[in-house]
Each structure stands twice: as structure tokens, then as C-alpha cells.
Amino acid sequence: MRFEFDIILSYATEDDQPLSGTDKGWISNFKKFLITLFSQISKDKPKILEVTELDEIESIENKSMVYIAILSESFFRHQELTELLDVYAKNAVKQGNLELSGIGRLFKVVKQPINIDNYLPDYEDLIPYDFYQVDPRTGEATEYERFFGDQAERAFWMKLVDMAYDISEYGQSFKEHDEEQRKKEVDKEKTVYLASTGVDMIIKRDIIKRELIRHGYKVLPDHSLPKEMGALSHNVEEDLNRCRLSIHLVGEDYGYKCKGSDLSVVEIQNKIASEYSQKMAKRTVDEKSNDPFSRLIWLSPNLKNVTERQRLFIEGLKTDAAMLDEAEVLKITLQEFKSIIRSELVTGGRFNNQREIKGFSPDPENLNNPLIYLICDKPNIDSVSPIKKCLEKKGYRVVLPTYEGDLVDLRYIHQENLRRCDASLIYCGNSSEDWVNAKLQDLLKAPGFGRQKPILAKALYTNSQNEIYQRKAAQNRAIILEGGVIFEEKELDPFLSKLK
């Protein structure tokens, strides 16, 4: 792991006030002497990031190899300093490197006599470095204000030398540990990001998590998510970078908001995953790499008590997924969704267009007469029959959706039809608006299934004047075909004229 800095030096500005008889403060002297000693030991001048209560740091977890905190009463009066220290240390715990070879990654420099364990109980096992002197006769403790002389030589400087050596030793242990971790790293193809959810989806998330682990997959995040926006974003991005797939479960609960944002943690994770998906898709095109990343979003089919905020979030999900080939919103049973997850991970899902399915033999792609995909819901199969016969009589090849069989196979056949067809006609009938909208979105996403040629015509066939269908058709550059009680061939003319 590469770091932007070698050391983060965190302190309260009050602790660096000029000392008597000099224009430099305690911290400035400490930093100067530490750089000198560390440079002699490691042969390199360390890069140091100074952090005080005046700085606004969005992401601090992996900015440096070690973290030095100058602990004092002033330090603990600033909650933001303690929180930054805690974020850094917890991230180190998650990575398994807070302490290596008996040396802590967090260096607790105690500037003045103070019971730091009262403030940092989670890190009391890490050995502190006491930089103050105790009079052996009176037991009185005082801070070092002079750094040269016999007493300083014995105490301050020897403690600083020990610390510089410990930082160098930790750096060597870290490199060895990092190399071991890379060797043990789970293959990206076997790692899944399962986003945290609202309270009503927790049990369902646990079900999916258990099944993934049982089938040998590593599930991230494997730690508690930070409550602060900057740290949360950094953690999610790092985890996604290790994954092949992200899964998002959306129910009625919007989820809790994190510090520094008006969005919930549920929405933030989805937003970051969407941006990451776009970045990976661009990289695939620009660098011609083969590193697919996809996103599956499950909407509970039993949504009832949805707030306006959650409704807007769900609509945004659908719109975003419609524009991204690598994202898919599914409103199906949980059992069916689990099958889709397995397909995505095991067979390659939408990235695999070379599957063989028993009973499915697509037409060769080199035939001259156009192929029309006539999409209809299963209850409308009889109603669509006259349209199919009319198209075939005019010399067109027509395919209908498949309704019987495994859900994963049905999904693949649907995507294969979208990939191969020259035109598509969606028969609305008595289908729900959600179903019609989903099929229009599928047409938009056809390039993501491997489609390379433009679609010649898209149409909605409806028996009723529905303003929503008209608006959706216009948005998707599809035409509206208005049917009567009895089908007439001329109703298809606007659609077929585009094929000619």
C-alpha cells in the first residue's frame, strides 16, 4: 500500500505556543528533532502531514503509514482531533495492522501528565511515549521546555530516539504484513459488495450474505461503516475496488443520514457504486480492459408505506439504472433475486452472451428479413397473436418472450432477443405501468447485452390513450400505436414504415 505521507502529526494549536526565550513552540521543536533522527535511521526525510483542530480533513484513514498524536488537555478539548484519531485507528484495526511486532501504528505522545486511557480506552494496550519529567524526590511532573543539557540528554532525547527507531521498525513490519495480505487477497471475482440497508431489509440482507459466504464468496463491507461522509465515501470506494459486483436492497426505510450529508447511508452507497460503475465502464472502453463490474438493485415487491423521500430515491434508482448498461433494477421475489445473483457471479450474467440453453435456438444473425421482438406479458399472449400473424405474413421474423423455465434462463433469452432484434414492439394490453416502463428501460440497455447495431424502430401498442405511456414513449424515442377493440393491420403502418 502506498501512502501520501509517512507520518500524520496531530496536535492542538495551543500546544505549539512559543516557549520562553524562543520563537518556536514545543511541537515545532519535536517535529524538527524527529525529522533529524528519522532521516539518520531510514536515510530518507519523512513526509509529514500536520493536522490540528483548524484543519478540515475529509479522509484520513490511509493517508500515512503511522499516526503521531501529541496528547494533552488541550488536545482532548477538541473533539474533532479525537474523532480523527479514532477513525484512523479503527481503519487500522479493520486492516489488521494497528499493532505489528509489538509496535503500534498509533504513536501516543503524552506531552503532559494526564490519564489518556480515560479519553482513549480502546487503545490503552498501545504503549505510550511519555515526554515529561517526574521529580524523583517530590513526584511532581513537569513538561520539558528545554531540549538541551544533561537532563534532556538522558530523558527527552533518548525517548525520541526510541520512538524514531520504533517508527522505522513498524514501517518494515508493515511492508512485510502488506505483502502477506496481498498474497492472501481473495480474488476479485469472488468478492461482492453487499450494501448496508434500511432497518426493514436487514434480515433479507443477512440471508443473502450467509448464502454468498456459504458458496465461497467474500462479502464487503466487513466492518462498521463510518458515520461521517468523508470517511464513509473513502471506505465504500476502497471496498468497491475489490469487488466484481455490488448488491443493493431497497425497501420502505430510507435509512439514517450520515454526518455531513442530507442523504442516507443507503443512498450514498448506491450513488458511489453508480459512479464507480461508470468509471469502470469508461476504463473498459478506453483501456480495452476486461474487468467487468456490475450492480444489482433489488426493490421489494411489497412496498406499501413509502415516504416521499424514499419514493424519490427509488425513482432516481430506476432512472440511473436505465442509463447504465452495468446496472439493473429488479422487482422480483427474494428467491428469484438470489438466482440472478448466482447467475451474475457464476455464468457472467449479462456479460456472457455465449450460453447454451436447452430448447432455445436463436435465428442466425445473417438473415435478410428483419427480426421483430414482440414483447408482451404472459396474460396478453392470446391478445398479441393477431399482431404476430400479421407481421409474419408481411415477411418479418417475429420472436416472443419465453415464459416457462428457470428465471435465470428466461432473463438470458430476453436479453439475447434484445441483442439480436432489428425492431421491438411492446404490447401494453392490461399490463402494469411498472412492467411497461421496465421493458422500455430494457430497450435502452440493449447495448449492455452486446448489441452493436442501432434498433430501427421501437413502439408501444396500447388500446387506451394513456398520457403516461405517451410521455414514456417520447422519452424513449418510441412511437405510440393506438389499437381498437379489434386489431387492424393498418395500426402497424407507422411502425413498419420505419423498417422500410
Protein backbone atom coordinates (compact mmCIF):
# COMPACT_ATOMS: atom_id res chain seq x y z
CA MET A 1 0.00 0.00 0.00
CA ARG A 2 1.35 3.41 -0.99
CA PHE A 3 0.85 6.42 1.29
CA GLU A 4 0.73 10.11 0.51
CA PHE A 5 2.65 10.81 3.76
CA ASP A 6 4.92 8.85 6.07
CA ILE A 7 3.59 10.44 9.26
CA ILE A 8 0.49 12.30 10.37
CA LEU A 9 1.33 14.61 13.26
CA SER A 10 -1.85 15.60 15.09
CA TYR A 11 -1.90 18.20 17.85
CA ALA A 12 -3.78 21.14 19.35
CA THR A 13 -2.50 24.57 18.27
CA GLU A 14 -2.34 25.70 21.93
CA ASP A 15 0.48 23.20 22.46
CA ASP A 16 2.74 24.95 19.97
CA GLN A 17 2.84 28.39 21.56
CA PRO A 18 6.38 29.89 21.57
CA LEU A 19 8.40 28.76 24.57
CA SER A 20 10.11 31.22 26.88
CA GLY A 21 13.16 32.77 25.24
CA THR A 22 12.48 31.35 21.78
CA ASP A 23 10.17 31.89 18.82
CA LYS A 24 9.42 28.14 18.43
CA GLY A 25 6.86 26.08 20.27
CA TRP A 26 7.05 22.58 21.79
CA ILE A 27 5.53 20.90 18.70
CA SER A 28 7.81 22.70 16.26
CA ASN A 29 10.89 21.54 18.20
CA PHE A 30 9.54 17.99 18.49
CA LYS A 31 8.90 17.81 14.73
CA LYS A 32 12.33 19.24 13.86
CA PHE A 33 14.18 16.78 16.10
CA LEU A 34 12.08 13.81 14.93
CA ILE A 35 12.82 14.56 11.26
CA THR A 36 16.52 14.74 12.03
CA LEU A 37 16.61 11.41 13.86
CA PHE A 38 14.30 9.58 11.45
CA SER A 39 16.35 10.77 8.44
CA GLN A 40 19.52 9.37 10.02
CA ILE A 41 17.89 6.00 10.66
CA SER A 42 15.99 5.49 7.41
CA LYS A 43 18.25 7.61 5.13
CA ASP A 44 15.11 9.41 3.86
CA LYS A 45 13.46 12.60 5.05
CA PRO A 46 9.90 11.75 6.17
CA LYS A 47 6.88 13.44 4.60
CA ILE A 48 4.74 14.76 7.44
CA LEU A 49 1.12 15.95 7.35
CA GLU A 50 0.28 18.22 10.28
CA VAL A 51 -3.32 18.09 11.48
CA THR A 52 -4.81 20.49 14.03
CA GLU A 53 -8.31 21.39 15.13
CA LEU A 54 -8.28 24.14 12.48
CA ASP A 55 -7.95 21.72 9.56
CA GLU A 56 -10.85 20.16 7.67
CA ILE A 57 -9.81 16.64 6.70
CA GLU A 58 -12.35 14.62 4.70
CA SER A 59 -10.47 11.33 4.55
CA ILE A 60 -7.58 10.45 6.84
CA GLU A 61 -7.59 6.64 7.12
CA ASN A 62 -4.86 5.69 4.64
CA LYS A 63 -3.03 8.99 4.20
CA SER A 64 0.04 7.87 6.18
CA MET A 65 1.89 4.84 7.45
CA VAL A 66 1.83 5.99 11.10
CA TYR A 67 -0.13 8.49 13.18
CA ILE A 68 1.50 10.52 15.96
CA ALA A 69 -0.88 12.26 18.35
CA ILE A 70 0.52 14.81 20.83
CA LEU A 71 -1.82 14.17 23.74
CA SER A 72 -2.59 16.86 26.29
CA GLU A 73 -5.52 18.54 27.98
CA SER A 74 -5.68 20.94 25.02
CA PHE A 75 -5.83 18.02 22.56
CA PHE A 76 -8.80 16.40 24.30
CA ARG A 77 -10.69 19.68 24.50
CA HIS A 78 -11.08 19.44 20.70
CA GLN A 79 -13.44 16.57 19.93
CA GLU A 80 -12.58 16.68 16.22
CA LEU A 81 -8.98 15.67 17.00
CA THR A 82 -10.11 12.66 19.00
CA GLU A 83 -12.57 11.67 16.27
CA LEU A 84 -9.90 11.84 13.55
CA LEU A 85 -7.58 9.70 15.67
CA ASP A 86 -10.40 7.20 16.24
CA VAL A 87 -11.26 6.98 12.51
CA TYR A 88 -7.61 6.33 11.62
CA ALA A 89 -7.12 3.73 14.36
CA LYS A 90 -10.36 1.86 13.61
CA ASN A 91 -9.38 1.63 9.97
CA ALA A 92 -6.03 0.17 11.06
CA VAL A 93 -7.90 -2.37 13.23
CA LYS A 94 -10.03 -3.31 10.20
CA GLN A 95 -6.88 -3.85 8.13
CA GLY A 96 -5.26 -5.84 10.91
CA ASN A 97 -2.22 -3.56 11.26
CA LEU A 98 -2.89 -1.36 14.30
CA GLU A 99 -0.09 -3.27 16.06
CA LEU A 100 2.67 -5.24 14.34
CA SER A 101 5.66 -6.90 16.01
CA GLY A 102 4.70 -5.27 19.31
CA ILE A 103 4.72 -1.73 17.88
CA GLY A 104 1.56 0.29 17.41
CA ARG A 105 0.71 2.20 14.25
CA LEU A 106 -0.75 4.89 16.51
CA PHE A 107 2.01 6.64 18.49
CA LYS A 108 0.64 8.18 21.67
CA VAL A 109 2.96 11.04 22.66
CA VAL A 110 1.99 12.20 26.15
CA LYS A 111 3.16 15.80 26.44
CA GLN A 112 1.96 16.39 29.99
CA PRO A 113 0.88 14.15 32.87
CA ILE A 114 -2.68 13.14 32.03
CA ASN A 115 -4.61 9.87 32.23
CA ILE A 116 -5.05 9.31 28.50
CA ASP A 117 -6.81 5.95 28.99
CA ASN A 118 -9.84 7.84 30.26
CA TYR A 119 -10.06 9.51 26.83
CA LEU A 120 -8.83 6.65 24.62
CA PRO A 121 -9.94 3.43 26.37
CA ASP A 122 -10.00 1.46 23.09
CA TYR A 123 -6.26 1.95 22.61
CA GLU A 124 -4.92 1.54 26.14
CA ASP A 125 -2.94 -1.54 25.05
CA LEU A 126 -0.73 0.61 22.83
CA ILE A 127 2.38 1.70 24.75
CA PRO A 128 2.52 5.50 25.26
CA TYR A 129 5.65 7.66 24.93
CA ASP A 130 5.84 9.93 27.96
CA PHE A 131 7.54 13.20 27.10
CA TYR A 132 7.54 14.82 30.53
CA GLN A 133 9.81 14.51 33.55
CA VAL A 134 8.97 13.43 37.10
CA ASP A 135 10.98 14.71 40.04
CA PRO A 136 12.03 11.52 41.93
CA ARG A 137 12.04 13.38 45.26
CA THR A 138 8.68 15.12 45.11
CA GLY A 139 6.88 13.01 42.49
CA GLU A 140 5.92 16.23 40.72
CA ALA A 141 5.61 16.00 36.91
CA THR A 142 6.56 18.85 34.59
CA GLU A 143 6.79 19.33 30.84
CA TYR A 144 10.09 19.62 29.02
CA GLU A 145 10.66 23.19 27.98
CA ARG A 146 14.41 22.95 27.44
CA PHE A 147 15.73 20.41 24.98
CA PHE A 148 19.48 20.60 25.54
CA GLY A 149 21.51 19.80 28.60
CA ASP A 150 22.32 16.74 30.71
CA GLN A 151 18.77 16.10 31.89
CA ALA A 152 17.27 16.46 28.41
CA GLU A 153 20.04 14.24 27.02
CA ARG A 154 19.00 11.42 29.33
CA ALA A 155 15.23 11.75 29.02
CA PHE A 156 13.75 13.70 26.11
CA TRP A 157 16.33 12.73 23.50
CA MET A 158 16.55 9.05 24.41
CA LYS A 159 12.77 8.79 24.32
CA LEU A 160 12.75 10.48 20.91
CA VAL A 161 15.48 8.13 19.62
CA ASP A 162 13.45 5.11 20.77
CA MET A 163 10.40 6.48 19.03
CA ALA A 164 12.21 7.15 15.74
CA TYR A 165 13.55 3.59 15.76
CA ASP A 166 10.07 2.22 16.54
CA ILE A 167 8.56 4.13 13.59
CA SER A 168 11.26 2.71 11.32
CA GLU A 169 10.70 -0.82 12.70
CA TYR A 170 6.94 -0.50 12.24
CA GLY A 171 7.49 0.58 8.63
CA GLN A 172 9.47 -2.59 7.92
CA SER A 173 6.86 -4.78 9.64
CA PHE A 174 4.11 -3.03 7.70
CA LYS A 175 5.77 -3.78 4.36
CA GLU A 176 6.08 -7.46 5.27
CA HIS A 177 2.49 -7.60 6.53
CA ASP A 178 1.18 -5.81 3.42
CA GLU A 179 2.96 -8.31 1.16
CA GLU A 180 1.44 -11.24 3.08
CA GLN A 181 -2.02 -9.70 2.83
CA ARG A 182 -1.68 -9.28 -0.93
CA LYS A 183 -0.77 -12.96 -1.25
CA LYS A 184 -3.88 -13.88 0.75
CA GLU A 185 -6.14 -11.42 -1.05
CA VAL A 186 -9.36 -13.03 -2.23
CA ASP A 187 -9.77 -12.99 -5.98
CA LYS A 188 -11.88 -10.08 -7.19
CA GLU A 189 -14.22 -12.49 -8.97
CA LYS A 190 -15.07 -13.98 -5.57
CA THR A 191 -15.69 -10.69 -3.74
CA VAL A 192 -19.07 -8.96 -3.52
CA TYR A 193 -20.13 -5.60 -2.08
CA LEU A 194 -23.43 -6.07 -0.22
CA ALA A 195 -24.55 -2.57 0.71
CA SER A 196 -25.96 -1.84 4.14
CA THR A 197 -29.73 -1.31 4.16
CA GLY A 198 -32.66 0.29 5.93
CA VAL A 199 -33.94 -1.49 9.02
CA ASP A 200 -36.67 -3.37 7.13
CA MET A 201 -34.11 -5.04 4.83
CA ILE A 202 -31.60 -6.18 7.47
CA ILE A 203 -32.90 -9.75 7.72
CA LYS A 204 -33.03 -10.17 3.93
CA ARG A 205 -29.51 -8.80 3.66
CA ASP A 206 -28.32 -11.34 6.22
CA ILE A 207 -29.94 -14.15 4.21
CA ILE A 208 -28.08 -13.14 1.05
CA LYS A 209 -24.83 -12.61 2.96
CA ARG A 210 -24.97 -16.11 4.50
CA GLU A 211 -25.59 -17.74 1.12
CA LEU A 212 -22.74 -15.86 -0.53
CA ILE A 213 -20.31 -16.82 2.23
CA ARG A 214 -21.51 -20.44 2.09
CA HIS A 215 -20.68 -20.52 -1.63
CA GLY A 216 -17.15 -19.26 -1.00
CA TYR A 217 -17.58 -15.53 -1.66
CA LYS A 218 -16.08 -12.77 0.44
CA VAL A 219 -18.67 -10.14 1.39
CA LEU A 220 -17.82 -6.48 1.94
CA PRO A 221 -18.05 -4.27 3.88
CA ASP A 222 -16.65 -6.48 6.65
CA HIS A 223 -16.62 -3.64 9.17
CA SER A 224 -18.93 -1.00 10.62
CA LEU A 225 -19.42 1.92 8.24
CA PRO A 226 -18.20 5.34 9.43
CA LYS A 227 -20.88 7.87 10.33
CA GLU A 228 -19.01 10.78 8.72
CA MET A 229 -19.42 11.49 4.98
CA GLY A 230 -15.76 11.77 4.01
CA ALA A 231 -14.68 8.62 5.81
CA LEU A 232 -17.75 6.73 4.56
CA SER A 233 -17.09 7.64 0.92
CA HIS A 234 -13.46 6.59 1.18
CA ASN A 235 -14.34 3.23 2.76
CA VAL A 236 -17.03 2.41 0.20
CA GLU A 237 -14.77 3.31 -2.74
CA GLU A 238 -11.95 1.15 -1.37
CA ASP A 239 -14.27 -1.81 -0.88
CA LEU A 240 -15.85 -1.48 -4.34
CA ASN A 241 -12.40 -1.52 -5.88
CA ARG A 242 -12.00 -5.07 -4.57
CA CYS A 243 -15.34 -6.31 -5.91
CA ARG A 244 -16.84 -7.74 -9.09
CA LEU A 245 -20.44 -6.96 -8.15
CA SER A 246 -22.37 -4.66 -5.82
CA ILE A 247 -25.81 -5.58 -4.46
CA HIS A 248 -28.30 -3.05 -3.09
CA LEU A 249 -31.54 -3.98 -1.31
CA VAL A 250 -34.16 -1.23 -1.16
CA GLY A 251 -37.30 -1.36 0.94
CA GLU A 252 -39.54 1.15 2.73
CA ASP A 253 -36.96 2.58 5.15
CA TYR A 254 -34.79 5.36 3.71
CA GLY A 255 -32.06 4.73 6.28
CA TYR A 256 -30.15 7.03 8.63
CA LYS A 257 -28.32 10.12 7.41
CA CYS A 258 -24.60 10.36 7.91
CA LYS A 259 -22.75 13.34 9.32
CA GLY A 260 -22.01 15.92 6.65
CA SER A 261 -24.75 14.94 4.19
CA ASP A 262 -28.51 15.14 3.73
CA LEU A 263 -28.50 11.70 2.09
CA SER A 264 -28.92 8.40 3.86
CA VAL A 265 -26.11 5.86 4.05
CA VAL A 266 -28.22 3.62 1.78
CA GLU A 267 -28.43 6.27 -0.94
CA ILE A 268 -24.79 7.32 -0.56
CA GLN A 269 -23.56 3.76 -1.10
CA ASN A 270 -25.70 3.45 -4.22
CA LYS A 271 -24.51 6.81 -5.53
CA ILE A 272 -20.84 5.88 -5.06
CA ALA A 273 -21.42 2.46 -6.65
CA SER A 274 -23.09 4.14 -9.63
CA GLU A 275 -20.12 6.49 -10.12
CA TYR A 276 -17.70 3.59 -9.74
CA SER A 277 -19.65 1.57 -12.30
CA GLN A 278 -19.42 4.42 -14.81
CA LYS A 279 -15.70 4.78 -14.16
CA MET A 280 -15.10 1.05 -14.74
CA ALA A 281 -17.20 1.08 -17.92
CA LYS A 282 -15.17 4.01 -19.29
CA ARG A 283 -11.96 2.25 -18.38
CA THR A 284 -13.09 -0.88 -20.22
CA VAL A 285 -13.60 1.21 -23.37
CA ASP A 286 -10.53 3.45 -23.07
CA GLU A 287 -8.06 0.79 -21.98
CA LYS A 288 -9.81 -2.18 -23.61
CA SER A 289 -9.55 -3.96 -20.26
CA ASN A 290 -11.59 -6.95 -19.24
CA ASP A 291 -12.52 -6.02 -15.69
CA PRO A 292 -16.33 -6.01 -15.57
CA PHE A 293 -18.22 -4.53 -12.65
CA SER A 294 -22.00 -4.69 -12.37
CA ARG A 295 -24.66 -3.56 -9.94
CA LEU A 296 -27.87 -5.37 -8.98
CA ILE A 297 -30.60 -3.41 -7.20
CA TRP A 298 -33.48 -5.30 -5.61
CA LEU A 299 -36.74 -3.46 -4.96
CA SER A 300 -39.02 -5.21 -2.54
CA PRO A 301 -42.22 -6.20 -4.39
CA ASN A 302 -44.22 -5.45 -1.21
CA LEU A 303 -43.61 -1.72 -0.85
CA LYS A 304 -46.56 -0.04 0.89
CA ASN A 305 -45.68 2.68 3.41
CA VAL A 306 -43.12 4.61 1.38
CA THR A 307 -42.24 8.18 2.34
CA GLU A 308 -41.93 10.88 -0.31
CA ARG A 309 -38.16 10.92 0.22
CA GLN A 310 -37.94 7.16 -0.34
CA ARG A 311 -40.20 7.37 -3.40
CA LEU A 312 -37.90 9.96 -4.98
CA PHE A 313 -34.88 7.81 -4.15
CA ILE A 314 -36.48 4.77 -5.83
CA GLU A 315 -37.42 6.77 -8.94
CA GLY A 316 -33.85 8.05 -9.10
CA LEU A 317 -32.57 4.48 -8.87
CA LYS A 318 -34.69 3.41 -11.83
CA THR A 319 -33.66 6.39 -13.94
CA ASP A 320 -29.98 5.94 -13.14
CA ALA A 321 -30.05 2.19 -13.84
CA ALA A 322 -31.85 2.76 -17.15
CA MET A 323 -28.91 4.86 -18.36
CA LEU A 324 -26.21 2.39 -17.26
CA ASP A 325 -25.68 -0.92 -19.01
CA GLU A 326 -23.95 -2.29 -15.91
CA ALA A 327 -26.87 -1.66 -13.52
CA GLU A 328 -30.18 -3.46 -13.23
CA VAL A 329 -33.23 -2.83 -11.03
CA LEU A 330 -35.22 -5.97 -10.26
CA LYS A 331 -38.62 -6.08 -8.55
CA ILE A 332 -38.99 -9.84 -8.08
CA THR A 333 -39.16 -12.28 -5.19
CA LEU A 334 -36.10 -12.61 -2.99
CA GLN A 335 -35.65 -16.22 -4.09
CA GLU A 336 -35.63 -15.17 -7.75
CA PHE A 337 -33.21 -12.37 -6.95
CA LYS A 338 -30.81 -14.84 -5.34
CA SER A 339 -30.86 -16.85 -8.57
CA ILE A 340 -29.98 -13.72 -10.54
CA ILE A 341 -27.05 -13.04 -8.19
CA ARG A 342 -25.73 -16.56 -8.71
CA SER A 343 -26.06 -16.18 -12.48
CA GLU A 344 -24.21 -12.88 -12.42
CA LEU A 345 -21.35 -14.37 -10.42
CA VAL A 346 -21.14 -17.90 -11.82
CA THR A 347 -22.03 -17.57 -15.52
CA GLY A 348 -21.08 -13.94 -16.07
CA GLY A 349 -24.71 -12.78 -16.28
CA ARG A 350 -25.23 -10.05 -18.86
CA PHE A 351 -21.52 -10.12 -19.74
CA ASN A 352 -21.89 -13.63 -21.15
CA ASN A 353 -23.71 -13.89 -24.48
CA GLN A 354 -22.41 -17.34 -25.41
CA ARG A 355 -24.60 -19.53 -23.21
CA GLU A 356 -26.44 -22.61 -24.39
CA ILE A 357 -29.97 -23.18 -23.10
CA LYS A 358 -31.88 -26.36 -23.80
CA GLY A 359 -34.78 -25.67 -26.20
CA PHE A 360 -33.54 -22.19 -27.16
CA SER A 361 -32.15 -21.81 -30.69
CA PRO A 362 -31.94 -18.17 -31.81
CA ASP A 363 -32.21 -17.39 -35.52
CA PRO A 364 -28.92 -16.85 -37.36
CA GLU A 365 -27.95 -13.18 -37.42
CA ASN A 366 -27.15 -13.15 -41.16
CA LEU A 367 -30.74 -13.49 -42.41
CA ASN A 368 -32.05 -10.61 -44.54
CA ASN A 369 -35.65 -10.25 -43.35
CA PRO A 370 -35.80 -8.10 -40.19
CA LEU A 371 -36.34 -9.67 -36.78
CA ILE A 372 -39.03 -8.07 -34.59
CA TYR A 373 -39.12 -8.72 -30.86
CA LEU A 374 -42.80 -8.62 -29.87
CA ILE A 375 -42.73 -8.11 -26.11
CA CYS A 376 -45.85 -8.90 -24.14
CA ASP A 377 -46.74 -10.01 -20.64
CA LYS A 378 -47.87 -13.62 -20.24
CA PRO A 379 -51.59 -12.79 -19.64
CA ASN A 380 -51.64 -10.98 -23.01
CA ILE A 381 -50.22 -13.83 -25.08
CA ASP A 382 -53.56 -14.58 -26.81
CA SER A 383 -54.31 -10.91 -27.48
CA VAL A 384 -50.98 -10.42 -29.24
CA SER A 385 -51.45 -13.39 -31.59
CA PRO A 386 -53.13 -11.40 -34.44
CA ILE A 387 -50.24 -8.91 -34.44
CA LYS A 388 -47.70 -11.72 -34.66
CA LYS A 389 -49.52 -13.39 -37.57
CA CYS A 390 -49.81 -10.05 -39.42
CA LEU A 391 -46.08 -9.37 -39.10
CA GLU A 392 -45.12 -12.87 -40.22
CA LYS A 393 -47.49 -12.62 -43.22
CA LYS A 394 -45.62 -9.47 -44.27
CA GLY A 395 -42.33 -11.42 -44.23
CA TYR A 396 -40.90 -10.41 -40.88
CA ARG A 397 -39.38 -12.84 -38.40
CA VAL A 398 -41.07 -12.49 -35.00
CA VAL A 399 -39.94 -13.70 -31.56
CA LEU A 400 -41.94 -13.59 -28.35
CA PRO A 401 -40.67 -13.72 -24.77
CA THR A 402 -40.26 -17.14 -23.14
CA TYR A 403 -42.38 -17.70 -20.04
CA GLU A 404 -41.57 -21.24 -18.90
CA GLY A 405 -38.29 -22.31 -17.32
CA ASP A 406 -35.67 -21.16 -14.90
CA LEU A 407 -35.73 -17.40 -14.19
CA VAL A 408 -32.04 -17.06 -14.98
CA ASP A 409 -32.54 -18.69 -18.40
CA LEU A 410 -35.62 -16.53 -19.10
CA ARG A 411 -33.61 -13.43 -18.31
CA TYR A 412 -30.82 -14.52 -20.64
CA ILE A 413 -33.25 -15.29 -23.50
CA HIS A 414 -34.90 -11.86 -23.05
CA GLN A 415 -31.52 -10.14 -23.22
CA GLU A 416 -30.49 -12.22 -26.23
CA ASN A 417 -33.69 -11.22 -28.06
CA LEU A 418 -32.95 -7.56 -27.28
CA ARG A 419 -29.42 -8.00 -28.58
CA ARG A 420 -30.44 -9.61 -31.89
CA CYS A 421 -33.68 -7.90 -32.91
CA ASP A 422 -33.93 -5.19 -35.58
CA ALA A 423 -37.04 -3.63 -34.03
CA SER A 424 -39.21 -4.11 -30.98
CA LEU A 425 -42.90 -3.67 -30.30
CA ILE A 426 -44.16 -3.62 -26.69
CA TYR A 427 -47.79 -4.73 -26.31
CA CYS A 428 -49.21 -2.89 -23.30
CA GLY A 429 -52.64 -4.55 -23.01
CA ASN A 430 -53.64 -4.73 -19.36
CA SER A 431 -50.05 -4.82 -18.09
CA SER A 432 -48.99 -2.52 -15.26
CA GLU A 433 -47.22 0.77 -15.92
CA ASP A 434 -44.21 -0.56 -14.00
CA TRP A 435 -43.95 -3.52 -16.39
CA VAL A 436 -44.17 -1.29 -19.47
CA ASN A 437 -41.57 1.11 -18.05
CA ALA A 438 -39.23 -1.79 -17.25
CA LYS A 439 -39.41 -3.08 -20.84
CA LEU A 440 -38.69 0.38 -22.24
CA GLN A 441 -35.65 0.57 -19.96
CA ASP A 442 -34.51 -2.84 -21.21
CA LEU A 443 -34.54 -1.48 -24.77
CA LEU A 444 -32.32 1.40 -23.66
CA LYS A 445 -29.90 -1.01 -22.04
CA ALA A 446 -29.66 -3.38 -25.02
CA PRO A 447 -26.10 -2.21 -25.88
CA GLY A 448 -25.05 -3.53 -22.48
CA PHE A 449 -26.11 -7.03 -23.59
CA GLY A 450 -23.72 -6.89 -26.53
CA ARG A 451 -25.95 -5.16 -29.08
CA GLN A 452 -23.86 -3.38 -31.71
CA LYS A 453 -26.33 -2.26 -34.40
CA PRO A 454 -28.92 0.52 -33.92
CA ILE A 455 -32.53 -0.51 -33.32
CA LEU A 456 -34.61 0.53 -36.33
CA ALA A 457 -37.97 1.03 -34.62
CA LYS A 458 -39.47 1.00 -31.12
CA ALA A 459 -43.20 1.16 -30.45
CA LEU A 460 -45.81 0.84 -27.72
CA TYR A 461 -49.08 -0.77 -28.79
CA THR A 462 -51.91 0.29 -26.50
CA ASN A 463 -55.72 0.04 -26.56
CA SER A 464 -56.18 3.13 -24.41
CA GLN A 465 -54.99 6.73 -24.54
CA ASN A 466 -52.61 6.79 -21.59
CA GLU A 467 -50.75 10.05 -21.00
CA ILE A 468 -48.06 8.25 -19.03
CA TYR A 469 -47.38 5.88 -21.94
CA GLN A 470 -47.24 8.81 -24.33
CA ARG A 471 -44.73 10.62 -22.14
CA LYS A 472 -42.61 7.49 -21.64
CA ALA A 473 -42.67 6.73 -25.35
CA ALA A 474 -41.47 10.25 -26.16
CA GLN A 475 -38.67 9.98 -23.60
CA ASN A 476 -37.51 6.68 -25.12
CA ARG A 477 -37.97 7.75 -28.75
CA ALA A 478 -40.66 5.15 -29.30
CA ILE A 479 -43.88 5.65 -31.26
CA ILE A 480 -47.39 5.02 -29.94
CA LEU A 481 -49.62 2.61 -31.88
CA GLU A 482 -53.27 3.06 -30.91
CA GLY A 483 -55.27 -0.13 -31.25
CA GLY A 484 -59.01 -0.59 -31.34
CA VAL A 485 -61.29 -3.29 -29.97
CA ILE A 486 -60.46 -5.46 -32.99
CA PHE A 487 -56.94 -5.45 -34.41
CA GLU A 488 -56.50 -3.93 -37.87
CA GLU A 489 -53.33 -4.25 -39.94
CA LYS A 490 -53.14 -0.51 -40.68
CA GLU A 491 -52.47 0.12 -36.99
CA LEU A 492 -48.92 -1.15 -37.54
CA ASP A 493 -48.17 1.13 -40.51
CA PRO A 494 -46.26 3.87 -38.56
CA PHE A 495 -44.07 1.17 -37.04
CA LEU A 496 -43.43 -0.80 -40.25
CA SER A 497 -42.68 2.35 -42.25
CA LYS A 498 -39.53 2.78 -40.15
CA LEU A 499 -38.39 -0.74 -41.09
CA LYS A 500 -38.70 0.04 -44.80
